[in-house]
N, C-alpha and C. Protein backbone atom coordinates (compact mmCIF):
# COMPACT_ATOMS: atom_id res chain seq x y z
N UNK A 1 -30.03 45.13 36.97
CA UNK A 1 -29.40 44.78 35.76
C UNK A 1 -29.58 43.22 35.45
N UNK A 2 -30.25 43.00 34.36
CA UNK A 2 -30.46 41.48 33.86
C UNK A 2 -29.16 40.72 33.56
N UNK A 3 -29.25 39.54 33.84
CA UNK A 3 -28.18 38.64 33.56
C UNK A 3 -28.43 37.84 32.09
N UNK A 4 -29.32 38.29 31.38
CA UNK A 4 -29.66 37.61 30.13
C UNK A 4 -28.57 37.62 29.02
N UNK A 5 -27.72 38.71 29.21
CA UNK A 5 -26.60 38.68 28.24
C UNK A 5 -25.63 37.61 28.52
N UNK A 6 -25.33 37.29 29.80
CA UNK A 6 -24.33 36.34 30.07
C UNK A 6 -24.86 34.95 29.80
N UNK A 7 -26.19 34.74 30.19
CA UNK A 7 -26.97 33.52 29.86
C UNK A 7 -26.95 33.05 28.54
N UNK A 8 -27.33 34.16 27.68
CA UNK A 8 -27.45 33.78 26.28
C UNK A 8 -25.99 33.54 25.64
N UNK A 9 -24.85 34.11 25.99
CA UNK A 9 -23.55 33.84 25.44
C UNK A 9 -23.11 32.54 25.71
N UNK A 10 -23.66 31.92 26.94
CA UNK A 10 -23.20 30.47 27.14
C UNK A 10 -24.22 29.53 26.51
N UNK A 11 -25.45 29.96 26.53
CA UNK A 11 -26.50 29.09 25.98
C UNK A 11 -26.43 28.52 24.49
N UNK A 12 -26.19 29.42 23.63
CA UNK A 12 -26.10 29.40 22.11
C UNK A 12 -24.77 28.43 21.82
N UNK A 13 -23.63 28.71 22.31
CA UNK A 13 -22.48 27.90 21.90
C UNK A 13 -22.75 26.40 22.53
N UNK A 14 -23.44 26.41 23.61
CA UNK A 14 -23.69 25.01 24.22
C UNK A 14 -24.69 24.20 23.52
N UNK A 15 -25.71 25.00 22.94
CA UNK A 15 -26.73 24.37 22.22
C UNK A 15 -26.15 23.93 20.75
N UNK A 16 -25.36 24.68 20.31
CA UNK A 16 -24.61 24.36 18.94
C UNK A 16 -23.69 23.19 19.01
N UNK A 17 -23.06 23.25 20.27
CA UNK A 17 -22.23 21.98 20.47
C UNK A 17 -22.97 20.64 20.49
N UNK A 18 -24.08 20.88 21.27
CA UNK A 18 -25.00 19.58 21.39
C UNK A 18 -25.58 19.15 20.11
N UNK A 19 -26.05 20.06 19.31
CA UNK A 19 -26.60 19.72 18.03
C UNK A 19 -25.53 19.14 16.95
N UNK A 20 -24.40 19.71 17.10
CA UNK A 20 -23.24 19.15 16.22
C UNK A 20 -22.87 17.75 16.75
N UNK A 21 -22.81 17.42 18.02
CA UNK A 21 -22.44 16.13 18.45
C UNK A 21 -23.71 15.08 18.06
N UNK A 22 -24.90 15.50 18.12
CA UNK A 22 -25.98 14.62 17.73
C UNK A 22 -26.01 14.48 16.24
N UNK A 23 -25.90 15.38 15.41
CA UNK A 23 -25.68 15.10 14.00
C UNK A 23 -24.60 14.25 13.63
N UNK A 24 -23.35 14.51 14.23
CA UNK A 24 -22.09 13.79 13.84
C UNK A 24 -22.34 12.22 14.38
N UNK A 25 -23.08 12.04 15.40
CA UNK A 25 -23.25 10.69 15.84
C UNK A 25 -24.18 9.84 14.84
N UNK A 26 -24.85 10.54 14.08
CA UNK A 26 -25.76 9.80 13.08
C UNK A 26 -25.14 9.65 11.82
N UNK A 27 -24.07 10.31 11.47
CA UNK A 27 -23.39 10.06 10.30
C UNK A 27 -22.58 8.71 10.24
N UNK A 28 -22.40 8.31 8.98
CA UNK A 28 -21.70 6.92 8.76
C UNK A 28 -20.23 7.25 9.17
N UNK A 29 -19.60 6.31 9.91
CA UNK A 29 -18.21 6.38 10.16
C UNK A 29 -17.31 5.69 9.27
N UNK A 30 -16.30 6.21 8.83
CA UNK A 30 -15.36 5.73 7.88
C UNK A 30 -13.97 5.73 8.37
N UNK A 31 -13.11 4.55 8.50
CA UNK A 31 -11.95 4.62 8.91
C UNK A 31 -10.96 5.34 8.06
N UNK A 32 -10.05 5.97 8.76
CA UNK A 32 -8.94 6.86 7.95
C UNK A 32 -7.67 5.89 7.73
N UNK A 33 -7.32 5.89 6.43
CA UNK A 33 -6.11 5.07 6.15
C UNK A 33 -5.21 6.02 5.54
N UNK A 34 -3.92 5.84 5.69
CA UNK A 34 -2.89 6.82 5.14
C UNK A 34 -1.75 5.80 4.63
N UNK A 35 -1.29 6.16 3.56
CA UNK A 35 -0.02 5.49 2.88
C UNK A 35 1.08 6.32 2.79
N UNK A 36 2.16 5.77 2.64
CA UNK A 36 3.48 6.57 2.61
C UNK A 36 4.42 6.01 1.57
N UNK A 37 5.06 6.87 0.86
CA UNK A 37 6.17 6.35 -0.09
C UNK A 37 7.38 7.33 0.08
N UNK A 38 8.59 6.68 0.06
CA UNK A 38 9.72 7.50 -0.05
C UNK A 38 10.86 6.80 -0.69
N UNK A 39 11.86 7.57 -1.27
CA UNK A 39 12.85 6.90 -2.04
C UNK A 39 14.17 7.67 -2.11
N UNK A 40 15.19 6.93 -2.49
CA UNK A 40 16.47 7.53 -2.89
C UNK A 40 16.95 6.69 -4.14
N UNK A 41 18.14 6.97 -4.54
CA UNK A 41 18.60 6.24 -5.70
C UNK A 41 18.84 4.71 -5.55
N UNK A 42 18.89 4.19 -4.23
CA UNK A 42 19.10 2.94 -4.06
C UNK A 42 17.84 2.01 -3.48
N UNK A 43 16.88 2.72 -2.79
CA UNK A 43 15.89 2.04 -2.32
C UNK A 43 14.53 2.91 -2.41
N UNK A 44 13.46 2.16 -2.54
CA UNK A 44 12.09 2.73 -2.46
C UNK A 44 11.47 2.09 -1.27
N UNK A 45 10.69 2.74 -0.35
CA UNK A 45 9.82 2.02 0.52
C UNK A 45 8.36 2.69 0.40
N UNK A 46 7.41 1.80 0.57
CA UNK A 46 6.00 2.22 0.51
C UNK A 46 5.16 1.38 1.47
N UNK A 47 4.22 1.88 1.82
CA UNK A 47 3.16 1.21 2.76
C UNK A 47 1.82 1.18 2.15
N UNK A 48 0.99 0.23 2.43
CA UNK A 48 -0.43 0.23 2.03
C UNK A 48 -1.13 -0.94 2.86
N UNK A 49 -2.45 -0.83 3.07
CA UNK A 49 -3.16 -1.53 3.89
C UNK A 49 -3.37 -2.99 3.29
N UNK A 50 -3.38 -3.98 4.09
CA UNK A 50 -3.91 -5.24 3.65
C UNK A 50 -5.31 -5.55 4.00
N UNK A 51 -5.58 -5.24 5.12
CA UNK A 51 -7.00 -5.16 5.64
C UNK A 51 -7.24 -4.12 6.56
N UNK A 52 -8.20 -4.00 7.27
CA UNK A 52 -8.67 -2.84 8.18
C UNK A 52 -7.65 -2.78 9.43
N UNK A 53 -6.81 -3.79 9.65
CA UNK A 53 -6.15 -4.00 10.77
C UNK A 53 -4.66 -3.95 10.64
N UNK A 54 -4.15 -3.96 9.52
CA UNK A 54 -2.72 -4.11 9.16
C UNK A 54 -2.28 -3.68 7.87
N UNK A 55 -1.01 -3.11 7.84
CA UNK A 55 -0.77 -2.58 6.54
C UNK A 55 0.67 -3.28 6.24
N UNK A 56 1.04 -3.38 4.99
CA UNK A 56 2.23 -4.05 4.50
C UNK A 56 3.32 -2.91 4.28
N UNK A 57 4.49 -3.28 4.40
CA UNK A 57 5.62 -2.51 3.98
C UNK A 57 6.30 -3.12 2.75
N UNK A 58 6.52 -2.31 1.80
CA UNK A 58 7.15 -2.88 0.39
C UNK A 58 8.41 -2.07 0.41
N UNK A 59 9.50 -2.84 0.15
CA UNK A 59 10.99 -2.33 0.00
C UNK A 59 11.56 -2.81 -1.17
N UNK A 60 11.89 -1.82 -2.06
CA UNK A 60 12.39 -2.20 -3.45
C UNK A 60 13.96 -1.73 -3.46
N UNK A 61 14.78 -2.71 -3.54
CA UNK A 61 16.22 -2.40 -3.73
C UNK A 61 16.29 -2.06 -5.31
N UNK A 62 16.52 -0.82 -5.67
CA UNK A 62 16.49 -0.35 -6.85
C UNK A 62 17.90 -0.97 -7.73
N UNK A 63 18.99 -1.35 -7.08
CA UNK A 63 20.17 -1.70 -7.66
C UNK A 63 20.01 -3.21 -8.14
N UNK A 64 19.33 -3.97 -7.31
CA UNK A 64 19.13 -5.55 -7.63
C UNK A 64 17.88 -5.89 -8.01
N UNK A 65 16.87 -5.02 -7.94
CA UNK A 65 15.48 -5.45 -8.29
C UNK A 65 14.68 -6.31 -7.25
N UNK A 66 15.42 -6.56 -6.16
CA UNK A 66 14.77 -7.32 -5.15
C UNK A 66 13.65 -6.48 -4.23
N UNK A 67 12.48 -7.11 -4.20
CA UNK A 67 11.39 -6.57 -3.53
C UNK A 67 11.01 -7.43 -2.28
N UNK A 68 11.07 -6.77 -1.17
CA UNK A 68 10.56 -7.44 0.03
C UNK A 68 9.10 -6.92 0.56
N UNK A 69 8.38 -7.74 0.84
CA UNK A 69 7.05 -7.24 1.40
C UNK A 69 6.93 -7.95 2.73
N UNK A 70 6.58 -7.17 3.88
CA UNK A 70 6.41 -7.73 5.16
C UNK A 70 5.20 -7.12 5.80
N UNK A 71 4.91 -7.76 6.94
CA UNK A 71 3.93 -7.08 7.81
C UNK A 71 4.40 -7.02 9.36
N UNK A 72 4.02 -6.11 10.29
CA UNK A 72 4.34 -6.16 11.59
C UNK A 72 3.45 -7.20 12.20
N UNK A 73 4.13 -7.85 13.41
CA UNK A 73 3.26 -8.64 14.27
C UNK A 73 2.14 -8.04 14.83
N UNK A 74 1.22 -8.74 15.17
CA UNK A 74 -0.04 -8.40 15.83
C UNK A 74 0.20 -7.59 17.03
N UNK A 75 1.18 -7.98 17.75
CA UNK A 75 1.56 -7.30 19.11
C UNK A 75 2.71 -6.30 18.98
N UNK A 76 3.23 -6.04 17.75
CA UNK A 76 4.00 -4.99 17.44
C UNK A 76 5.55 -5.31 17.79
N UNK A 77 6.01 -6.44 18.07
CA UNK A 77 7.36 -6.67 18.53
C UNK A 77 8.29 -7.14 17.46
N UNK A 78 7.90 -6.96 16.16
CA UNK A 78 8.73 -7.46 15.06
C UNK A 78 7.98 -7.66 13.85
N UNK A 79 8.45 -8.43 12.82
CA UNK A 79 7.70 -8.79 11.68
C UNK A 79 7.18 -10.11 11.65
N UNK A 80 6.06 -10.32 11.11
CA UNK A 80 5.33 -11.65 11.14
C UNK A 80 5.77 -12.55 9.89
N UNK A 81 6.66 -12.13 9.14
CA UNK A 81 7.03 -12.71 7.86
C UNK A 81 6.81 -12.08 6.64
N UNK A 82 6.78 -12.53 5.54
CA UNK A 82 6.67 -11.72 4.35
C UNK A 82 7.21 -12.49 3.06
N UNK A 83 7.72 -11.87 2.23
CA UNK A 83 7.93 -12.40 0.91
C UNK A 83 8.99 -11.59 0.27
N UNK A 84 9.90 -12.35 -0.58
CA UNK A 84 10.78 -11.59 -1.33
C UNK A 84 10.57 -12.12 -2.88
N UNK A 85 10.85 -11.16 -3.75
CA UNK A 85 10.53 -11.37 -5.22
C UNK A 85 11.43 -10.37 -6.08
N UNK A 86 12.02 -10.94 -7.10
CA UNK A 86 12.76 -10.02 -7.88
C UNK A 86 12.12 -9.55 -9.13
N UNK A 87 11.89 -8.25 -9.25
CA UNK A 87 11.05 -7.69 -10.32
C UNK A 87 11.64 -7.49 -11.63
N UNK A 88 13.10 -7.87 -11.74
CA UNK A 88 13.82 -7.56 -12.91
C UNK A 88 13.28 -8.38 -14.17
N UNK A 89 12.86 -9.71 -13.82
CA UNK A 89 12.44 -10.53 -14.86
C UNK A 89 11.05 -10.01 -15.35
N UNK A 90 10.18 -9.42 -14.68
CA UNK A 90 9.02 -8.91 -15.09
C UNK A 90 9.20 -7.63 -16.02
N UNK A 91 10.25 -6.93 -15.82
CA UNK A 91 10.64 -5.79 -16.78
C UNK A 91 11.63 -6.16 -17.88
N UNK A 92 12.16 -7.39 -17.86
CA UNK A 92 13.09 -7.93 -18.84
C UNK A 92 14.12 -6.77 -18.75
N UNK A 93 14.73 -6.56 -17.72
CA UNK A 93 15.80 -5.55 -17.69
C UNK A 93 17.00 -6.23 -17.23
N UNK A 94 18.37 -5.82 -17.69
CA UNK A 94 19.49 -6.30 -17.35
C UNK A 94 20.04 -5.42 -16.23
N UNK A 95 20.35 -6.06 -15.01
CA UNK A 95 20.85 -5.17 -13.84
C UNK A 95 22.05 -4.18 -14.28
N UNK A 96 22.82 -4.66 -15.30
CA UNK A 96 23.92 -3.84 -15.67
C UNK A 96 23.47 -2.72 -16.47
N UNK A 97 22.31 -2.49 -16.84
CA UNK A 97 21.69 -1.21 -17.49
C UNK A 97 21.29 -0.43 -16.44
N UNK A 98 21.49 -0.54 -15.16
CA UNK A 98 21.16 0.36 -14.03
C UNK A 98 19.66 0.78 -14.23
N UNK A 99 18.88 -0.06 -13.81
CA UNK A 99 17.43 0.01 -13.87
C UNK A 99 16.99 1.30 -12.94
N UNK A 100 15.99 2.07 -13.46
CA UNK A 100 15.32 3.13 -12.52
C UNK A 100 14.02 2.96 -12.26
N UNK A 101 13.72 2.84 -11.11
CA UNK A 101 12.25 2.43 -10.64
C UNK A 101 11.52 3.61 -10.07
N UNK A 102 10.30 3.53 -10.18
CA UNK A 102 9.17 4.33 -9.45
C UNK A 102 8.14 3.40 -8.85
N UNK A 103 7.78 3.52 -7.57
CA UNK A 103 6.91 2.67 -7.00
C UNK A 103 5.95 3.51 -6.06
N UNK A 104 4.55 3.03 -6.28
CA UNK A 104 3.63 3.61 -5.31
C UNK A 104 2.58 2.42 -5.07
N UNK A 105 1.65 2.64 -4.08
CA UNK A 105 0.61 1.81 -3.77
C UNK A 105 -0.81 2.45 -4.10
N UNK A 106 -1.84 1.53 -4.35
CA UNK A 106 -3.06 2.17 -4.59
C UNK A 106 -4.10 1.11 -3.89
N UNK A 107 -5.29 1.57 -3.65
CA UNK A 107 -6.29 0.88 -3.07
C UNK A 107 -7.05 -0.09 -4.20
N UNK A 108 -7.46 -1.25 -3.62
CA UNK A 108 -8.39 -2.08 -4.35
C UNK A 108 -9.17 -3.01 -3.44
N UNK A 109 -10.26 -3.53 -3.88
CA UNK A 109 -10.91 -4.38 -3.04
C UNK A 109 -11.31 -5.62 -3.97
N UNK A 110 -10.36 -6.60 -4.08
CA UNK A 110 -10.66 -7.77 -4.99
C UNK A 110 -11.54 -8.64 -4.29
N UNK A 111 -12.60 -9.16 -4.93
CA UNK A 111 -13.60 -9.88 -4.43
C UNK A 111 -13.49 -11.39 -4.01
N UNK A 112 -12.50 -12.05 -4.74
CA UNK A 112 -12.24 -13.35 -4.60
C UNK A 112 -10.99 -13.73 -3.98
N UNK A 113 -10.99 -14.84 -3.25
CA UNK A 113 -9.62 -15.24 -2.57
C UNK A 113 -8.73 -15.71 -3.64
N UNK A 114 -7.39 -15.89 -3.22
CA UNK A 114 -6.25 -16.11 -4.23
C UNK A 114 -6.59 -17.40 -4.94
N UNK A 115 -7.23 -18.39 -4.29
CA UNK A 115 -7.46 -19.78 -4.86
C UNK A 115 -8.40 -20.52 -4.02
N UNK A 116 -8.99 -21.55 -4.58
CA UNK A 116 -9.87 -22.44 -3.90
C UNK A 116 -9.07 -23.32 -2.97
N UNK A 117 -9.63 -23.29 -1.71
CA UNK A 117 -8.87 -24.06 -0.73
C UNK A 117 -7.57 -23.33 -0.14
N UNK A 118 -7.22 -22.31 -0.67
CA UNK A 118 -5.98 -21.78 -0.09
C UNK A 118 -6.49 -20.78 1.10
N UNK A 119 -5.37 -20.48 1.91
CA UNK A 119 -5.55 -19.63 2.99
C UNK A 119 -5.01 -18.14 2.64
N UNK A 120 -4.55 -17.99 1.54
CA UNK A 120 -4.15 -16.63 1.16
C UNK A 120 -5.28 -15.73 0.52
N UNK A 121 -5.59 -14.63 1.11
CA UNK A 121 -6.49 -13.71 0.62
C UNK A 121 -5.81 -12.45 -0.05
N UNK A 122 -6.54 -11.80 -0.93
CA UNK A 122 -5.99 -10.56 -1.44
C UNK A 122 -6.03 -9.43 -0.57
N UNK A 123 -5.01 -8.69 -0.51
CA UNK A 123 -4.74 -7.52 0.28
C UNK A 123 -5.67 -6.34 -0.32
N UNK A 124 -5.74 -5.25 0.35
CA UNK A 124 -6.52 -4.08 -0.14
C UNK A 124 -5.55 -3.14 -0.83
N UNK A 125 -4.38 -3.48 -1.09
CA UNK A 125 -3.42 -2.67 -1.81
C UNK A 125 -2.86 -3.38 -3.10
N UNK A 126 -2.75 -2.52 -4.11
CA UNK A 126 -2.05 -2.79 -5.33
C UNK A 126 -0.83 -2.06 -5.27
N UNK A 127 0.24 -2.69 -5.73
CA UNK A 127 1.64 -2.22 -5.85
C UNK A 127 1.87 -1.77 -7.37
N UNK A 128 2.23 -0.61 -7.63
CA UNK A 128 2.55 -0.18 -9.00
C UNK A 128 3.92 0.12 -9.13
N UNK A 129 4.66 -0.56 -10.09
CA UNK A 129 6.05 -0.31 -10.22
C UNK A 129 6.21 -0.04 -11.63
N UNK A 130 7.04 1.20 -11.84
CA UNK A 130 7.37 1.40 -13.40
C UNK A 130 8.93 1.41 -13.39
N UNK A 131 9.48 1.11 -14.51
CA UNK A 131 10.95 1.00 -14.76
C UNK A 131 11.09 1.97 -15.92
N UNK A 132 11.90 2.86 -15.75
CA UNK A 132 12.04 3.99 -16.66
C UNK A 132 12.90 3.59 -18.02
N UNK A 133 14.11 2.66 -17.82
CA UNK A 133 14.87 2.33 -19.00
C UNK A 133 14.17 1.53 -19.91
N UNK A 134 13.24 0.70 -19.47
CA UNK A 134 12.43 -0.22 -20.46
C UNK A 134 11.14 0.38 -20.86
N UNK A 135 10.71 1.33 -20.06
CA UNK A 135 9.39 2.14 -20.38
C UNK A 135 8.10 1.22 -20.05
N UNK A 136 8.21 0.50 -19.05
CA UNK A 136 7.24 -0.53 -18.62
C UNK A 136 6.75 -0.33 -17.35
N UNK A 137 5.41 -0.72 -16.97
CA UNK A 137 4.85 -0.68 -15.66
C UNK A 137 4.18 -2.00 -15.37
N UNK A 138 4.17 -2.45 -14.33
CA UNK A 138 3.67 -3.55 -13.79
C UNK A 138 2.76 -3.30 -12.42
N UNK A 139 1.65 -3.94 -12.47
CA UNK A 139 0.86 -3.88 -11.23
C UNK A 139 0.80 -5.30 -10.59
N UNK A 140 1.03 -5.28 -9.19
CA UNK A 140 1.15 -6.33 -8.45
C UNK A 140 0.00 -6.52 -7.47
N UNK A 141 -0.44 -7.62 -7.11
CA UNK A 141 -1.37 -7.98 -6.08
C UNK A 141 -0.77 -8.55 -4.91
N UNK A 142 -1.05 -8.26 -3.77
CA UNK A 142 -0.50 -8.91 -2.57
C UNK A 142 -1.60 -9.92 -2.00
N UNK A 143 -1.12 -11.02 -1.86
CA UNK A 143 -2.04 -12.08 -1.21
C UNK A 143 -1.30 -12.77 -0.02
N UNK A 144 -2.09 -12.70 1.14
CA UNK A 144 -1.52 -12.96 2.46
C UNK A 144 -2.42 -14.00 3.26
N UNK A 145 -1.87 -14.59 4.24
CA UNK A 145 -2.56 -15.42 5.18
C UNK A 145 -2.96 -14.59 6.51
N UNK A 146 -4.05 -13.79 6.27
CA UNK A 146 -4.49 -13.10 7.40
C UNK A 146 -4.89 -13.89 8.64
N UNK A 147 -5.55 -15.13 8.45
CA UNK A 147 -5.80 -15.85 9.60
C UNK A 147 -4.55 -16.13 10.43
N UNK A 148 -3.31 -16.46 9.88
CA UNK A 148 -2.15 -16.66 10.48
C UNK A 148 -1.82 -15.36 11.33
N UNK A 149 -1.83 -14.30 10.68
CA UNK A 149 -1.53 -13.05 11.41
C UNK A 149 -2.29 -12.78 12.52
N UNK A 150 -3.69 -13.17 12.34
CA UNK A 150 -4.73 -12.82 13.57
C UNK A 150 -4.31 -13.72 14.70
N UNK A 151 -3.99 -15.02 14.33
CA UNK A 151 -3.57 -15.88 15.50
C UNK A 151 -2.10 -15.86 16.06
N UNK A 152 -1.30 -14.93 15.31
CA UNK A 152 0.11 -14.64 15.81
C UNK A 152 1.11 -15.72 15.27
N UNK A 153 0.56 -16.60 14.19
CA UNK A 153 1.56 -17.34 13.58
C UNK A 153 2.35 -16.74 12.47
N UNK A 154 3.39 -17.36 11.92
CA UNK A 154 4.09 -16.73 10.84
C UNK A 154 3.17 -16.50 9.64
N UNK A 155 3.32 -15.37 8.92
CA UNK A 155 2.57 -15.02 7.81
C UNK A 155 3.38 -15.36 6.47
N UNK A 156 2.88 -15.99 5.59
CA UNK A 156 3.34 -16.27 4.22
C UNK A 156 2.62 -15.22 3.38
N UNK A 157 3.25 -14.60 2.34
CA UNK A 157 2.72 -13.75 1.41
C UNK A 157 3.23 -14.23 -0.06
N UNK A 158 2.35 -13.66 -0.94
CA UNK A 158 2.67 -13.87 -2.31
C UNK A 158 2.35 -12.47 -2.92
N UNK A 159 3.34 -12.14 -3.90
CA UNK A 159 3.14 -11.11 -4.60
C UNK A 159 2.92 -11.46 -6.16
N UNK A 160 1.89 -11.20 -6.76
CA UNK A 160 1.58 -11.74 -8.12
C UNK A 160 1.52 -10.44 -9.16
N UNK A 161 2.25 -10.50 -10.20
CA UNK A 161 2.05 -9.63 -11.28
C UNK A 161 0.75 -9.91 -11.84
N UNK A 162 -0.28 -8.75 -11.85
CA UNK A 162 -1.56 -8.92 -12.44
C UNK A 162 -1.75 -8.46 -13.78
N UNK A 163 -0.83 -7.31 -14.05
CA UNK A 163 -0.93 -6.67 -15.40
C UNK A 163 0.22 -6.04 -15.68
N UNK A 164 0.48 -5.70 -16.93
CA UNK A 164 1.70 -4.92 -17.20
C UNK A 164 1.29 -4.04 -18.57
N UNK A 165 2.09 -3.02 -18.69
CA UNK A 165 1.79 -2.27 -19.89
C UNK A 165 2.89 -1.35 -20.19
N UNK A 166 3.00 -0.89 -21.38
CA UNK A 166 4.14 0.03 -21.74
C UNK A 166 3.63 1.39 -21.34
N UNK A 167 4.69 2.25 -20.84
CA UNK A 167 4.35 3.55 -20.45
C UNK A 167 4.94 4.56 -21.31
N UNK A 168 5.89 4.22 -22.11
CA UNK A 168 6.36 4.76 -23.30
C UNK A 168 7.18 3.98 -24.21
N UNK A 169 7.50 4.52 -25.31
CA UNK A 169 8.27 3.79 -26.34
C UNK A 169 9.77 4.08 -26.13
N UNK A 170 10.55 2.98 -25.84
CA UNK A 170 11.87 3.23 -25.75
C UNK A 170 12.62 3.05 -27.15
N UNK A 171 13.28 4.11 -27.36
CA UNK A 171 14.06 4.11 -28.72
C UNK A 171 15.50 3.81 -28.57
N UNK A 172 16.01 2.83 -29.30
CA UNK A 172 17.48 2.58 -29.10
C UNK A 172 18.28 3.72 -29.67
N UNK A 173 19.45 4.17 -29.03
CA UNK A 173 20.37 4.99 -29.63
C UNK A 173 21.07 4.48 -30.89
N UNK A 174 21.34 5.38 -31.73
CA UNK A 174 21.98 4.97 -33.00
C UNK A 174 23.23 4.09 -32.67
N UNK A 175 23.25 3.11 -33.31
CA UNK A 175 24.43 2.09 -33.19
C UNK A 175 24.40 1.27 -31.97
N UNK A 176 23.47 1.17 -31.13
CA UNK A 176 23.40 0.26 -29.96
C UNK A 176 22.16 0.07 -29.43
N UNK A 177 22.01 -0.83 -28.48
CA UNK A 177 20.83 -1.30 -27.59
C UNK A 177 20.47 -0.02 -26.53
N UNK A 178 19.33 -0.03 -26.14
CA UNK A 178 18.93 0.97 -25.23
C UNK A 178 19.76 0.86 -23.87
């Protein structure tokens, strides 16, 4: 009795595996990045990459409009600094009106540094915030000191409104303001 059946059953899968590994090693490699967003009535949290090595955490307090942006330290034992900013002025909303926010991140690759001679560089994430009661949306850019982060020094960040737009027309109810 010949053993060719057994030899062939092992040979073909092994050959297919070797061909697959060879082809896979020749294809360009792309890093995988994932972002996350979650919310409740009081807070929204989102993440987004600043560069290939670190991502920022964005925390929006929906009751006060306070937005905090931070990054973990390079060794992962805390946070390396960050930035606080109140978004209510960008939306021209009164906190007594109980603002309602939506927030997500998106990817971008801005080609220029934040300014000549500055150490702050644009991150790879845009932050999009919409406020429902005013019908406005604002896009923010994150600028950060990546050289400080790489060397383990505290990181200063700046969040800049880059653009805004109406997302719907808000109509005042009869006899009063919206």
